[in-house]
Amino acid sequence: MEYKRKMAVSLPVVITRERKWFVVACPLLDIATQGKNEKEVRENMEDLIEDYFQDPDTPKPTIKTMMSTSVSVINMPIKVMG
């Protein structure tokens, strides 16, 4: 019998608002989803991450990779024609 223990890992996600939708992305797993409000988009991402890890055909990062990866979100000023 194979024993697998569960471990809590915090994954970085980025939530943005795009018109009437909230969009959340998890760069580490390369997945994203949307929702009508922030609560819904968080719930949708939790479900998507759970599905991601349960799918046997999806390649997964190692625990070491997940624990050592960092994501920075910065505002980058750019010039645009307006």
N, C-alpha and C. Protein backbone atom coordinates (compact mmCIF):
# COMPACT_ATOMS: atom_id res chain seq x y z
N MET A 1 0.84 -1.18 0.00
CA MET A 1 0.00 0.00 0.00
C MET A 1 0.89 1.24 0.00
N GLU A 2 0.59 2.17 -0.91
CA GLU A 2 1.37 3.40 -1.00
C GLU A 2 0.78 4.45 -0.06
N TYR A 3 1.64 5.09 0.72
CA TYR A 3 1.20 6.12 1.65
C TYR A 3 1.69 7.47 1.14
N LYS A 4 0.77 8.39 1.02
CA LYS A 4 1.14 9.75 0.62
C LYS A 4 0.67 10.71 1.71
N ARG A 5 1.58 11.53 2.18
CA ARG A 5 1.18 12.49 3.19
C ARG A 5 0.86 13.82 2.52
N LYS A 6 -0.04 14.54 3.13
CA LYS A 6 -0.42 15.85 2.61
C LYS A 6 0.44 16.90 3.29
N MET A 7 0.77 17.91 2.51
CA MET A 7 1.62 18.98 3.01
C MET A 7 1.04 20.31 2.56
N ALA A 8 0.98 21.28 3.43
CA ALA A 8 0.48 22.61 3.07
C ALA A 8 1.61 23.42 2.42
N VAL A 9 1.34 23.94 1.25
CA VAL A 9 2.30 24.76 0.52
C VAL A 9 1.56 26.02 0.06
N SER A 10 2.16 27.17 0.24
CA SER A 10 1.57 28.41 -0.25
C SER A 10 2.06 28.67 -1.67
N LEU A 11 1.12 28.81 -2.58
CA LEU A 11 1.47 29.09 -3.97
C LEU A 11 1.17 30.55 -4.30
N PRO A 12 2.07 31.21 -5.00
CA PRO A 12 1.80 32.61 -5.36
C PRO A 12 0.74 32.68 -6.46
N VAL A 13 -0.23 33.57 -6.28
CA VAL A 13 -1.24 33.83 -7.30
C VAL A 13 -1.36 35.34 -7.49
N VAL A 14 -1.79 35.73 -8.68
CA VAL A 14 -1.97 37.14 -9.00
C VAL A 14 -3.42 37.33 -9.41
N ILE A 15 -4.11 38.26 -8.72
CA ILE A 15 -5.50 38.56 -9.04
C ILE A 15 -5.56 39.94 -9.69
N THR A 16 -6.21 40.02 -10.83
CA THR A 16 -6.39 41.30 -11.52
C THR A 16 -7.86 41.47 -11.86
N ARG A 17 -8.23 42.70 -12.12
CA ARG A 17 -9.60 42.97 -12.56
C ARG A 17 -9.55 43.39 -14.02
N GLU A 18 -10.32 42.70 -14.84
CA GLU A 18 -10.39 42.99 -16.27
C GLU A 18 -11.84 43.24 -16.63
N ARG A 19 -12.18 44.52 -16.69
CA ARG A 19 -13.56 44.97 -16.89
C ARG A 19 -14.45 44.38 -15.82
N LYS A 20 -15.44 43.57 -16.18
CA LYS A 20 -16.37 43.05 -15.16
C LYS A 20 -15.90 41.74 -14.53
N TRP A 21 -14.77 41.20 -14.96
CA TRP A 21 -14.27 39.93 -14.45
C TRP A 21 -13.04 40.11 -13.57
N PHE A 22 -12.90 39.23 -12.60
CA PHE A 22 -11.67 39.09 -11.84
C PHE A 22 -10.94 37.88 -12.43
N VAL A 23 -9.66 38.01 -12.62
CA VAL A 23 -8.84 36.94 -13.20
C VAL A 23 -7.73 36.62 -12.20
N VAL A 24 -7.51 35.34 -11.98
CA VAL A 24 -6.44 34.92 -11.08
C VAL A 24 -5.55 33.93 -11.84
N ALA A 25 -4.25 34.13 -11.69
CA ALA A 25 -3.27 33.25 -12.34
C ALA A 25 -2.29 32.74 -11.30
N CYS A 26 -1.86 31.51 -11.50
CA CYS A 26 -0.81 30.93 -10.68
C CYS A 26 0.38 30.67 -11.62
N PRO A 27 1.35 31.60 -11.65
CA PRO A 27 2.47 31.46 -12.59
C PRO A 27 3.27 30.16 -12.42
N LEU A 28 3.41 29.71 -11.20
CA LEU A 28 4.20 28.50 -10.94
C LEU A 28 3.60 27.27 -11.64
N LEU A 29 2.26 27.20 -11.66
CA LEU A 29 1.58 26.05 -12.27
C LEU A 29 1.12 26.34 -13.70
N ASP A 30 1.24 27.58 -14.13
CA ASP A 30 0.82 28.02 -15.45
C ASP A 30 -0.66 27.75 -15.69
N ILE A 31 -1.49 28.16 -14.70
CA ILE A 31 -2.94 28.01 -14.79
C ILE A 31 -3.61 29.32 -14.43
N ALA A 32 -4.82 29.51 -14.92
CA ALA A 32 -5.59 30.73 -14.62
C ALA A 32 -7.07 30.42 -14.71
N THR A 33 -7.86 31.27 -14.04
CA THR A 33 -9.31 31.16 -14.09
C THR A 33 -9.91 32.54 -13.83
N GLN A 34 -11.22 32.63 -13.91
CA GLN A 34 -11.88 33.92 -13.70
C GLN A 34 -13.12 33.75 -12.85
N GLY A 35 -13.64 34.88 -12.37
CA GLY A 35 -14.86 34.88 -11.58
C GLY A 35 -15.48 36.26 -11.58
N LYS A 36 -16.71 36.35 -11.09
CA LYS A 36 -17.44 37.61 -11.09
C LYS A 36 -17.03 38.55 -9.96
N ASN A 37 -16.43 37.99 -8.89
CA ASN A 37 -15.95 38.81 -7.78
C ASN A 37 -14.72 38.12 -7.18
N GLU A 38 -14.08 38.81 -6.24
CA GLU A 38 -12.84 38.27 -5.69
C GLU A 38 -13.06 36.96 -4.93
N LYS A 39 -14.15 36.86 -4.20
CA LYS A 39 -14.45 35.62 -3.47
C LYS A 39 -14.61 34.45 -4.45
N GLU A 40 -15.37 34.68 -5.51
CA GLU A 40 -15.60 33.61 -6.49
C GLU A 40 -14.31 33.21 -7.20
N VAL A 41 -13.48 34.19 -7.55
CA VAL A 41 -12.25 33.86 -8.27
C VAL A 41 -11.28 33.08 -7.38
N ARG A 42 -11.26 33.39 -6.09
CA ARG A 42 -10.42 32.62 -5.16
C ARG A 42 -10.91 31.18 -5.04
N GLU A 43 -12.22 31.01 -4.93
CA GLU A 43 -12.80 29.66 -4.85
C GLU A 43 -12.52 28.89 -6.14
N ASN A 44 -12.66 29.56 -7.27
CA ASN A 44 -12.38 28.91 -8.56
C ASN A 44 -10.93 28.46 -8.65
N MET A 45 -10.00 29.29 -8.15
CA MET A 45 -8.59 28.92 -8.19
C MET A 45 -8.31 27.76 -7.26
N GLU A 46 -8.90 27.74 -6.08
CA GLU A 46 -8.72 26.61 -5.17
C GLU A 46 -9.17 25.31 -5.84
N ASP A 47 -10.34 25.35 -6.49
CA ASP A 47 -10.84 24.16 -7.19
C ASP A 47 -9.91 23.76 -8.33
N LEU A 48 -9.43 24.75 -9.09
CA LEU A 48 -8.55 24.46 -10.23
C LEU A 48 -7.23 23.85 -9.77
N ILE A 49 -6.66 24.38 -8.68
CA ILE A 49 -5.41 23.82 -8.16
C ILE A 49 -5.63 22.39 -7.69
N GLU A 50 -6.74 22.14 -7.02
CA GLU A 50 -7.04 20.78 -6.57
C GLU A 50 -7.16 19.83 -7.77
N ASP A 51 -7.89 20.25 -8.80
CA ASP A 51 -8.02 19.43 -10.01
C ASP A 51 -6.66 19.21 -10.67
N TYR A 52 -5.85 20.25 -10.70
CA TYR A 52 -4.51 20.18 -11.30
C TYR A 52 -3.69 19.07 -10.65
N PHE A 53 -3.68 19.05 -9.32
CA PHE A 53 -2.86 18.06 -8.62
C PHE A 53 -3.47 16.66 -8.65
N GLN A 54 -4.76 16.54 -8.89
CA GLN A 54 -5.39 15.23 -8.98
C GLN A 54 -5.29 14.62 -10.36
N ASP A 55 -5.01 15.43 -11.37
CA ASP A 55 -4.91 14.93 -12.75
C ASP A 55 -3.60 14.16 -12.93
N PRO A 56 -3.68 12.86 -13.17
CA PRO A 56 -2.45 12.06 -13.27
C PRO A 56 -1.64 12.36 -14.53
N ASP A 57 -2.24 12.98 -15.54
CA ASP A 57 -1.54 13.24 -16.80
C ASP A 57 -0.83 14.59 -16.85
N THR A 58 -1.05 15.44 -15.85
CA THR A 58 -0.43 16.76 -15.82
C THR A 58 0.91 16.70 -15.12
N PRO A 59 2.00 17.13 -15.80
CA PRO A 59 3.31 17.16 -15.13
C PRO A 59 3.27 18.16 -13.97
N LYS A 60 3.82 17.79 -12.86
CA LYS A 60 3.80 18.62 -11.65
C LYS A 60 5.20 19.07 -11.28
N PRO A 61 5.34 20.30 -10.73
CA PRO A 61 6.64 20.70 -10.19
C PRO A 61 6.91 19.92 -8.90
N THR A 62 8.17 19.77 -8.58
CA THR A 62 8.52 19.08 -7.34
C THR A 62 8.22 19.99 -6.14
N ILE A 63 8.14 19.41 -4.98
CA ILE A 63 7.94 20.18 -3.75
C ILE A 63 9.09 21.17 -3.59
N LYS A 64 10.30 20.73 -3.89
CA LYS A 64 11.48 21.60 -3.78
C LYS A 64 11.32 22.82 -4.69
N THR A 65 10.87 22.61 -5.91
CA THR A 65 10.67 23.72 -6.84
C THR A 65 9.59 24.66 -6.31
N MET A 66 8.48 24.10 -5.83
CA MET A 66 7.40 24.95 -5.32
C MET A 66 7.85 25.76 -4.12
N MET A 67 8.66 25.18 -3.25
CA MET A 67 9.09 25.88 -2.04
C MET A 67 10.16 26.94 -2.33
N SER A 68 10.90 26.77 -3.43
CA SER A 68 12.01 27.69 -3.69
C SER A 68 11.70 28.75 -4.75
N THR A 69 10.53 28.69 -5.36
CA THR A 69 10.17 29.65 -6.39
C THR A 69 9.53 30.88 -5.78
N SER A 70 9.95 32.04 -6.26
CA SER A 70 9.32 33.27 -5.80
C SER A 70 8.80 34.02 -7.02
N VAL A 71 7.77 34.81 -6.78
CA VAL A 71 7.16 35.61 -7.83
C VAL A 71 7.08 37.04 -7.32
N SER A 72 7.51 37.98 -8.15
CA SER A 72 7.41 39.39 -7.80
C SER A 72 6.42 40.06 -8.74
N VAL A 73 5.53 40.84 -8.18
CA VAL A 73 4.59 41.61 -8.98
C VAL A 73 4.97 43.07 -8.80
N ILE A 74 5.31 43.71 -9.92
CA ILE A 74 5.71 45.10 -9.87
C ILE A 74 4.91 45.89 -10.91
N ASN A 75 4.79 47.18 -10.68
CA ASN A 75 4.22 48.06 -11.68
C ASN A 75 5.37 48.62 -12.49
N MET A 76 5.28 48.48 -13.80
CA MET A 76 6.35 48.90 -14.68
C MET A 76 5.85 50.05 -15.53
N PRO A 77 6.40 51.27 -15.35
CA PRO A 77 5.94 52.40 -16.13
C PRO A 77 6.36 52.28 -17.59
N ILE A 78 5.41 52.51 -18.48
CA ILE A 78 5.69 52.45 -19.91
C ILE A 78 5.03 53.67 -20.57
N LYS A 79 5.51 54.02 -21.75
CA LYS A 79 4.91 55.12 -22.51
C LYS A 79 3.99 54.51 -23.57
N VAL A 80 2.77 55.01 -23.64
CA VAL A 80 1.83 54.53 -24.63
C VAL A 80 1.28 55.72 -25.39
N MET A 81 0.88 55.48 -26.59
CA MET A 81 0.25 56.53 -27.41
C MET A 81 -1.21 56.62 -26.99
N GLY A 82 -1.72 57.82 -26.75
CA GLY A 82 -3.08 57.93 -26.30
C GLY A 82 -3.91 58.95 -26.97
